[in-house]
């Protein structure tokens, strides 16, 4: 999901989210369903979620797919080299201002 978000492949992200939902629906227990896919998981290097990558890289269709798939718009992005955290809204405002 991270790679799809980084490269703006919204159709692939939608496929992944749909498959995850189908697996959750067929899970034997709530615990098993919770382990299918965490669409808000941070990657190892930059500590960003797929939604945060999509915002930072300006992939608007991807942002819509991820939010529609349940991504948490309130999740904070924690900068790995500084002691700062930014919300998705902060990221959105930063990167849209830079693109003007």
Protein backbone atom coordinates (compact mmCIF):
# COMPACT_ATOMS: atom_id res chain seq x y z
CA UNK A 1 0.00 0.00 0.00
CA UNK A 2 2.91 2.33 0.75
CA UNK A 3 4.43 1.79 -2.71
CA UNK A 4 1.09 2.38 -4.41
CA UNK A 5 0.67 5.61 -2.42
CA UNK A 6 4.20 6.80 -3.20
CA UNK A 7 3.73 6.28 -6.93
CA UNK A 8 0.11 7.42 -7.16
CA UNK A 9 -1.32 4.05 -8.22
CA UNK A 10 -4.83 4.66 -6.89
CA UNK A 11 -6.30 1.65 -8.73
CA UNK A 12 -3.81 -0.70 -7.09
CA UNK A 13 -4.48 0.84 -3.66
CA UNK A 14 -8.23 0.39 -4.18
CA UNK A 15 -7.63 -3.26 -5.13
CA UNK A 16 -5.57 -3.82 -1.95
CA UNK A 17 -8.17 -2.10 0.24
CA UNK A 18 -11.01 -4.11 -1.34
CA UNK A 19 -9.15 -7.40 -0.82
CA UNK A 20 -8.37 -6.47 2.78
CA UNK A 21 -12.03 -5.70 3.42
CA UNK A 22 -13.06 -9.06 1.96
CA UNK A 23 -10.52 -10.85 4.18
CA UNK A 24 -11.75 -8.94 7.24
CA UNK A 25 -15.34 -9.90 6.45
CA UNK A 26 -14.37 -13.57 6.35
CA UNK A 27 -12.18 -13.54 9.45
CA UNK A 28 -12.97 -15.94 12.28
CA UNK A 29 -12.61 -13.35 15.05
CA UNK A 30 -12.29 -9.60 15.58
CA UNK A 31 -8.63 -10.13 16.47
CA UNK A 32 -7.97 -11.92 13.18
CA UNK A 33 -9.83 -9.22 11.27
CA UNK A 34 -7.72 -6.50 12.89
CA UNK A 35 -4.53 -8.16 11.67
CA UNK A 36 -5.45 -8.15 7.97
CA UNK A 37 -4.17 -4.69 6.99
CA UNK A 38 -3.44 -1.52 8.91
CA UNK A 39 -3.80 1.19 6.27
CA UNK A 40 -2.34 3.69 8.77
CA UNK A 41 0.87 1.77 9.44
CA UNK A 42 4.06 3.80 9.18
CA UNK A 43 6.93 2.59 7.03
CA UNK A 44 10.32 1.77 8.56
CA UNK A 45 12.39 4.57 7.03
CA UNK A 46 10.41 7.82 6.98
CA UNK A 47 7.75 6.75 9.51
CA UNK A 48 4.92 7.90 7.21
CA UNK A 49 1.58 6.24 6.48
CA UNK A 50 0.35 5.72 2.91
CA UNK A 51 -1.99 8.72 3.30
CA UNK A 52 0.88 10.92 4.45
CA UNK A 53 2.98 9.86 1.43
CA UNK A 54 0.08 10.54 -0.93
CA UNK A 55 -0.36 14.01 0.56
CA UNK A 56 3.35 14.84 0.55
CA UNK A 57 3.73 13.69 -3.07
CA UNK A 58 0.56 15.41 -4.31
CA UNK A 59 -1.33 12.29 -5.41
CA UNK A 60 -4.87 13.65 -4.97
CA UNK A 61 -6.76 10.62 -6.38
CA UNK A 62 -4.75 8.43 -4.00
CA UNK A 63 -5.66 10.66 -1.06
CA UNK A 64 -9.34 10.19 -1.92
CA UNK A 65 -8.99 6.40 -2.22
CA UNK A 66 -7.15 6.10 1.09
CA UNK A 67 -9.59 8.30 2.99
CA UNK A 68 -12.47 6.33 1.44
CA UNK A 69 -10.73 3.15 2.58
CA UNK A 70 -10.61 4.31 6.18
CA UNK A 71 -7.22 6.00 6.50
CA UNK A 72 -6.94 8.13 9.63
CA UNK A 73 -6.70 11.79 8.64
CA UNK A 74 -5.78 12.66 12.25
CA UNK A 75 -2.68 10.45 12.35
CA UNK A 76 0.46 12.43 13.07
CA UNK A 77 3.59 12.22 10.95
CA UNK A 78 6.58 12.08 13.28
CA UNK A 79 9.77 13.48 11.77
CA UNK A 80 12.48 10.90 12.35
CA UNK A 81 15.35 13.39 12.68
CA UNK A 82 13.60 16.08 14.70
CA UNK A 83 11.28 16.06 17.65
CA UNK A 84 8.27 17.31 15.64
CA UNK A 85 4.93 15.89 14.59
CA UNK A 86 2.65 17.08 11.81
CA UNK A 87 -0.97 16.21 11.14
CA UNK A 88 -2.20 15.29 7.67
CA UNK A 89 -3.78 18.73 7.48
CA UNK A 90 -0.41 20.35 8.28
CA UNK A 91 1.24 18.24 5.59
CA UNK A 92 -1.48 19.15 3.11
CA UNK A 93 -1.08 22.86 3.75
CA UNK A 94 2.73 22.68 3.59
CA UNK A 95 2.91 20.78 0.33
CA UNK A 96 0.12 22.63 -1.45
CA UNK A 97 1.75 25.94 -0.54
CA UNK A 98 5.07 24.69 -1.96
CA UNK A 99 3.47 23.62 -5.23
CA UNK A 100 2.13 27.12 -5.98
